[in-house]
């Protein structure tokens, strides 16, 4: 039975990560970083170790899943954080452990 003040979703919330936390993590270990922007946006720059899956494509999940290891956390970013948040929900529903990079690539560029 669910009550209005209890989260009845069996999945945990999508975890946020700041761009500064992401930078430290990237320096320490090899992580799964997924850029969900369009090819045109990626041409303007991207985070070095990122894999790519365009959120707007019909086969987004299939494309992303083919590039990811479900047993490891996935860190997602887009331009500002909106598409990566939506992408995170899709991947989380399929059993992935996901982190959403707050502020996206715009924030990353400002800080790096």
N, C-alpha and C. Protein backbone atom coordinates (compact mmCIF):
# COMPACT_ATOMS: atom_id res chain seq x y z
N UNK A 1 0.84 -1.18 0.00
CA UNK A 1 0.00 0.00 0.00
C UNK A 1 0.89 1.24 0.00
N UNK A 2 0.53 2.23 -0.83
CA UNK A 2 1.30 3.47 -0.92
C UNK A 2 0.56 4.62 -0.26
N UNK A 3 1.29 5.44 0.43
CA UNK A 3 0.74 6.65 1.02
C UNK A 3 1.36 7.84 0.32
N UNK A 4 0.69 8.97 0.34
CA UNK A 4 1.16 10.13 -0.41
C UNK A 4 2.53 10.62 0.04
N UNK A 5 2.94 10.34 1.26
CA UNK A 5 4.22 10.84 1.75
C UNK A 5 5.35 9.82 1.61
N UNK A 6 5.06 8.68 1.03
CA UNK A 6 6.08 7.65 0.82
C UNK A 6 6.33 7.51 -0.66
N UNK A 7 7.60 7.46 -1.05
CA UNK A 7 7.93 7.23 -2.45
C UNK A 7 7.69 5.76 -2.75
N UNK A 8 6.69 5.45 -3.55
CA UNK A 8 6.32 4.07 -3.85
C UNK A 8 7.08 3.52 -5.03
N UNK A 9 7.87 4.35 -5.67
CA UNK A 9 8.68 3.89 -6.79
C UNK A 9 9.82 3.04 -6.25
N UNK A 10 9.97 1.83 -6.79
CA UNK A 10 11.02 0.95 -6.31
C UNK A 10 12.40 1.43 -6.76
N UNK A 11 12.44 2.24 -7.82
CA UNK A 11 13.71 2.78 -8.29
C UNK A 11 14.11 3.95 -7.38
N UNK A 12 15.40 4.10 -7.16
CA UNK A 12 15.85 5.25 -6.40
C UNK A 12 15.83 6.47 -7.32
N UNK A 13 15.94 7.64 -6.73
CA UNK A 13 15.92 8.86 -7.51
C UNK A 13 17.17 8.94 -8.38
N UNK A 14 17.06 9.68 -9.46
CA UNK A 14 18.23 9.92 -10.32
C UNK A 14 19.17 10.83 -9.54
N UNK A 15 20.41 10.43 -9.47
CA UNK A 15 21.38 11.17 -8.66
C UNK A 15 22.01 12.31 -9.47
N UNK A 16 22.03 13.50 -8.90
CA UNK A 16 22.70 14.61 -9.58
C UNK A 16 24.20 14.60 -9.29
N UNK A 17 24.98 15.12 -10.23
CA UNK A 17 26.41 15.30 -10.02
C UNK A 17 26.79 16.64 -10.64
N UNK A 18 27.58 17.42 -9.94
CA UNK A 18 28.01 18.72 -10.47
C UNK A 18 29.14 18.50 -11.48
N UNK A 19 29.37 19.50 -12.30
CA UNK A 19 30.46 19.40 -13.28
C UNK A 19 31.82 19.34 -12.58
N UNK A 20 31.95 20.02 -11.44
CA UNK A 20 33.23 19.95 -10.72
C UNK A 20 33.44 18.55 -10.12
N UNK A 21 32.37 17.92 -9.63
CA UNK A 21 32.47 16.55 -9.13
C UNK A 21 32.80 15.58 -10.28
N UNK A 22 32.19 15.84 -11.44
CA UNK A 22 32.45 15.00 -12.61
C UNK A 22 33.91 15.11 -13.03
N UNK A 23 34.45 16.30 -13.01
CA UNK A 23 35.85 16.50 -13.40
C UNK A 23 36.78 15.68 -12.51
N UNK A 24 36.55 15.72 -11.20
CA UNK A 24 37.36 14.94 -10.25
C UNK A 24 37.23 13.45 -10.55
N UNK A 25 36.02 13.02 -10.79
CA UNK A 25 35.76 11.60 -11.09
C UNK A 25 36.47 11.17 -12.37
N UNK A 26 36.42 12.01 -13.40
CA UNK A 26 37.09 11.69 -14.67
C UNK A 26 38.60 11.60 -14.51
N UNK A 27 39.16 12.37 -13.59
CA UNK A 27 40.60 12.34 -13.35
C UNK A 27 41.02 11.08 -12.60
N UNK A 28 40.10 10.51 -11.82
CA UNK A 28 40.40 9.36 -10.97
C UNK A 28 40.15 8.02 -11.64
N UNK A 29 39.10 7.93 -12.45
CA UNK A 29 38.73 6.62 -12.98
C UNK A 29 38.09 6.70 -14.35
N UNK A 30 37.97 5.55 -14.98
CA UNK A 30 37.33 5.43 -16.28
C UNK A 30 35.84 5.20 -16.05
N UNK A 31 35.02 6.19 -16.38
CA UNK A 31 33.58 6.08 -16.14
C UNK A 31 32.82 6.04 -17.47
N UNK A 32 31.57 5.62 -17.39
CA UNK A 32 30.68 5.64 -18.55
C UNK A 32 30.01 7.01 -18.62
N UNK A 33 30.42 7.80 -19.57
CA UNK A 33 29.90 9.15 -19.75
C UNK A 33 29.16 9.18 -21.07
N UNK A 34 27.88 9.55 -21.03
CA UNK A 34 27.06 9.55 -22.24
C UNK A 34 26.56 10.95 -22.55
N UNK A 35 26.91 11.43 -23.73
CA UNK A 35 26.47 12.72 -24.25
C UNK A 35 25.22 12.47 -25.09
N UNK A 36 24.10 13.08 -24.74
CA UNK A 36 22.83 12.81 -25.44
C UNK A 36 22.42 13.96 -26.37
N UNK A 37 23.39 14.80 -26.74
CA UNK A 37 23.10 15.93 -27.63
C UNK A 37 23.10 15.48 -29.10
N UNK A 38 22.75 16.42 -29.96
CA UNK A 38 22.72 16.15 -31.41
C UNK A 38 24.13 16.18 -31.98
N UNK A 39 24.34 15.56 -33.15
CA UNK A 39 25.66 15.61 -33.79
C UNK A 39 26.15 17.05 -34.03
N UNK A 40 25.23 17.95 -34.36
CA UNK A 40 25.60 19.35 -34.58
C UNK A 40 26.14 19.99 -33.30
N UNK A 41 25.54 19.66 -32.17
CA UNK A 41 26.01 20.20 -30.89
C UNK A 41 27.37 19.60 -30.53
N UNK A 42 27.54 18.33 -30.79
CA UNK A 42 28.79 17.64 -30.47
C UNK A 42 29.96 18.23 -31.27
N UNK A 43 29.69 18.65 -32.50
CA UNK A 43 30.72 19.28 -33.33
C UNK A 43 31.29 20.54 -32.67
N UNK A 44 30.51 21.17 -31.80
CA UNK A 44 30.95 22.39 -31.13
C UNK A 44 31.78 22.09 -29.88
N UNK A 45 31.94 20.81 -29.55
CA UNK A 45 32.75 20.41 -28.41
C UNK A 45 32.05 19.35 -27.57
N UNK A 46 32.85 18.58 -26.85
CA UNK A 46 32.32 17.53 -25.99
C UNK A 46 33.36 17.19 -24.93
N UNK A 47 32.93 16.44 -23.92
CA UNK A 47 33.84 15.99 -22.87
C UNK A 47 34.59 14.78 -23.40
N UNK A 48 35.89 14.79 -23.24
CA UNK A 48 36.80 13.88 -23.93
C UNK A 48 36.43 12.41 -24.00
N UNK A 49 36.02 11.79 -22.95
CA UNK A 49 35.80 10.33 -22.96
C UNK A 49 34.35 9.93 -23.24
N UNK A 50 33.51 10.89 -23.62
CA UNK A 50 32.08 10.62 -23.80
C UNK A 50 31.78 9.70 -24.97
N UNK A 51 30.71 8.92 -24.76
CA UNK A 51 30.08 8.16 -25.83
C UNK A 51 28.86 8.98 -26.23
N UNK A 52 28.31 8.70 -27.41
CA UNK A 52 27.23 9.55 -27.91
C UNK A 52 25.99 8.76 -28.28
N UNK A 53 24.82 9.29 -27.90
CA UNK A 53 23.52 8.76 -28.31
C UNK A 53 22.56 9.94 -28.33
N UNK A 54 22.06 10.28 -29.52
CA UNK A 54 21.19 11.43 -29.70
C UNK A 54 19.81 11.17 -29.10
N UNK A 55 19.45 11.94 -28.09
CA UNK A 55 18.16 11.78 -27.41
C UNK A 55 16.98 11.89 -28.37
N UNK A 56 17.12 12.70 -29.42
CA UNK A 56 16.00 12.94 -30.34
C UNK A 56 15.79 11.82 -31.35
N UNK A 57 16.69 10.88 -31.44
CA UNK A 57 16.53 9.77 -32.39
C UNK A 57 15.53 8.75 -31.85
N UNK A 58 14.76 8.14 -32.75
CA UNK A 58 13.76 7.14 -32.35
C UNK A 58 14.40 5.94 -31.66
N UNK A 59 15.63 5.61 -32.04
CA UNK A 59 16.31 4.45 -31.46
C UNK A 59 17.27 4.84 -30.33
N UNK A 60 16.97 5.95 -29.64
CA UNK A 60 17.87 6.44 -28.59
C UNK A 60 18.24 5.33 -27.60
N UNK A 61 17.26 4.65 -27.02
CA UNK A 61 17.59 3.66 -26.01
C UNK A 61 18.43 2.52 -26.58
N UNK A 62 18.07 2.02 -27.75
CA UNK A 62 18.81 0.93 -28.37
C UNK A 62 20.26 1.35 -28.63
N UNK A 63 20.44 2.56 -29.13
CA UNK A 63 21.77 3.09 -29.41
C UNK A 63 22.58 3.23 -28.11
N UNK A 64 21.96 3.81 -27.09
CA UNK A 64 22.65 4.00 -25.81
C UNK A 64 22.99 2.66 -25.17
N UNK A 65 22.03 1.75 -25.15
CA UNK A 65 22.24 0.45 -24.50
C UNK A 65 23.38 -0.34 -25.16
N UNK A 66 23.54 -0.19 -26.46
CA UNK A 66 24.60 -0.90 -27.18
C UNK A 66 25.99 -0.40 -26.78
N UNK A 67 26.06 0.79 -26.20
CA UNK A 67 27.34 1.41 -25.84
C UNK A 67 27.65 1.35 -24.35
N UNK A 68 26.68 0.87 -23.56
CA UNK A 68 26.82 0.94 -22.11
C UNK A 68 26.86 -0.42 -21.45
N UNK A 69 27.56 -0.47 -20.32
CA UNK A 69 27.60 -1.66 -19.47
C UNK A 69 26.60 -1.43 -18.34
N UNK A 70 25.55 -2.25 -18.31
CA UNK A 70 24.48 -2.07 -17.33
C UNK A 70 24.95 -2.25 -15.89
N UNK A 71 26.07 -2.94 -15.71
CA UNK A 71 26.56 -3.20 -14.36
C UNK A 71 27.34 -2.03 -13.76
N UNK A 72 27.58 -0.98 -14.56
CA UNK A 72 28.35 0.19 -14.09
C UNK A 72 27.49 1.44 -14.15
N UNK A 73 27.76 2.41 -13.28
CA UNK A 73 27.00 3.67 -13.32
C UNK A 73 27.19 4.39 -14.66
N UNK A 74 26.16 5.14 -15.05
CA UNK A 74 26.20 5.92 -16.28
C UNK A 74 26.02 7.40 -15.90
N UNK A 75 26.90 8.24 -16.42
CA UNK A 75 26.84 9.68 -16.18
C UNK A 75 26.38 10.33 -17.48
N UNK A 76 25.28 11.08 -17.42
CA UNK A 76 24.65 11.65 -18.61
C UNK A 76 24.75 13.16 -18.62
N UNK A 77 24.99 13.70 -19.82
CA UNK A 77 24.91 15.15 -19.97
C UNK A 77 24.37 15.52 -21.35
N UNK A 78 23.81 16.73 -21.40
CA UNK A 78 23.34 17.31 -22.66
C UNK A 78 23.83 18.76 -22.67
N UNK A 79 23.11 19.65 -23.30
CA UNK A 79 23.54 21.05 -23.33
C UNK A 79 23.37 21.73 -21.98
N UNK A 80 22.18 21.56 -21.37
CA UNK A 80 21.90 22.28 -20.12
C UNK A 80 21.40 21.40 -18.98
N UNK A 81 21.02 20.17 -19.27
CA UNK A 81 20.54 19.26 -18.24
C UNK A 81 19.13 18.74 -18.44
N UNK A 82 18.39 19.30 -19.37
CA UNK A 82 17.00 18.89 -19.59
C UNK A 82 16.91 17.53 -20.27
N UNK A 83 17.56 17.38 -21.43
CA UNK A 83 17.51 16.10 -22.15
C UNK A 83 18.20 14.99 -21.38
N UNK A 84 19.28 15.32 -20.69
CA UNK A 84 19.96 14.27 -19.92
C UNK A 84 19.09 13.79 -18.77
N UNK A 85 18.29 14.67 -18.20
CA UNK A 85 17.36 14.27 -17.15
C UNK A 85 16.31 13.31 -17.71
N UNK A 86 15.78 13.62 -18.88
CA UNK A 86 14.80 12.74 -19.53
C UNK A 86 15.45 11.41 -19.93
N UNK A 87 16.68 11.49 -20.44
CA UNK A 87 17.42 10.29 -20.82
C UNK A 87 17.67 9.42 -19.60
N UNK A 88 18.01 10.05 -18.49
CA UNK A 88 18.28 9.33 -17.25
C UNK A 88 17.06 8.53 -16.81
N UNK A 89 15.88 9.13 -16.95
CA UNK A 89 14.65 8.43 -16.57
C UNK A 89 14.44 7.19 -17.44
N UNK A 90 14.69 7.33 -18.74
CA UNK A 90 14.54 6.20 -19.66
C UNK A 90 15.50 5.07 -19.27
N UNK A 91 16.75 5.42 -19.06
CA UNK A 91 17.75 4.40 -18.72
C UNK A 91 17.48 3.79 -17.34
N UNK A 92 17.06 4.62 -16.39
CA UNK A 92 16.77 4.11 -15.06
C UNK A 92 15.62 3.10 -15.10
N UNK A 93 14.60 3.39 -15.89
CA UNK A 93 13.47 2.46 -16.01
C UNK A 93 13.90 1.11 -16.58
N UNK A 94 15.01 1.11 -17.32
CA UNK A 94 15.54 -0.13 -17.91
C UNK A 94 16.60 -0.77 -17.02
N UNK A 95 16.77 -0.24 -15.80
CA UNK A 95 17.65 -0.88 -14.83
C UNK A 95 19.06 -0.32 -14.72
N UNK A 96 19.34 0.81 -15.35
CA UNK A 96 20.66 1.41 -15.26
C UNK A 96 20.76 2.29 -14.01
N UNK A 97 21.95 2.37 -13.46
CA UNK A 97 22.26 3.26 -12.34
C UNK A 97 22.78 4.56 -12.95
N UNK A 98 21.99 5.64 -12.87
CA UNK A 98 22.31 6.85 -13.61
C UNK A 98 22.56 8.08 -12.74
N UNK A 99 23.42 8.94 -13.27
CA UNK A 99 23.72 10.24 -12.68
C UNK A 99 23.50 11.29 -13.75
N UNK A 100 22.86 12.39 -13.38
CA UNK A 100 22.62 13.49 -14.31
C UNK A 100 23.59 14.63 -13.99
N UNK A 101 24.37 15.05 -14.99
CA UNK A 101 25.33 16.14 -14.81
C UNK A 101 24.57 17.46 -14.82
N UNK A 102 24.58 18.14 -13.68
CA UNK A 102 23.84 19.40 -13.52
C UNK A 102 24.46 20.50 -14.37
N UNK A 103 23.63 21.18 -15.15
CA UNK A 103 24.11 22.29 -15.98
C UNK A 103 24.65 21.86 -17.32
N UNK A 104 24.86 20.57 -17.51
CA UNK A 104 25.28 20.03 -18.78
C UNK A 104 26.59 20.58 -19.33
N UNK A 105 26.71 20.50 -20.65
CA UNK A 105 27.94 20.93 -21.33
C UNK A 105 28.17 22.42 -21.19
N UNK A 106 27.09 23.21 -21.14
CA UNK A 106 27.26 24.66 -20.96
C UNK A 106 28.02 24.94 -19.67
N UNK A 107 27.62 24.30 -18.59
CA UNK A 107 28.28 24.49 -17.29
C UNK A 107 29.71 23.96 -17.34
N UNK A 108 29.90 22.82 -18.00
CA UNK A 108 31.24 22.22 -18.12
C UNK A 108 32.18 23.21 -18.81
N UNK A 109 31.72 23.82 -19.89
CA UNK A 109 32.56 24.78 -20.63
C UNK A 109 32.89 26.00 -19.78
N UNK A 110 31.94 26.47 -19.00
CA UNK A 110 32.18 27.63 -18.14
C UNK A 110 33.27 27.35 -17.11
N UNK A 111 33.30 26.12 -16.60
CA UNK A 111 34.22 25.78 -15.52
C UNK A 111 35.55 25.19 -16.00
N UNK A 112 35.61 24.74 -17.22
CA UNK A 112 36.83 24.08 -17.70
C UNK A 112 37.40 24.83 -18.89
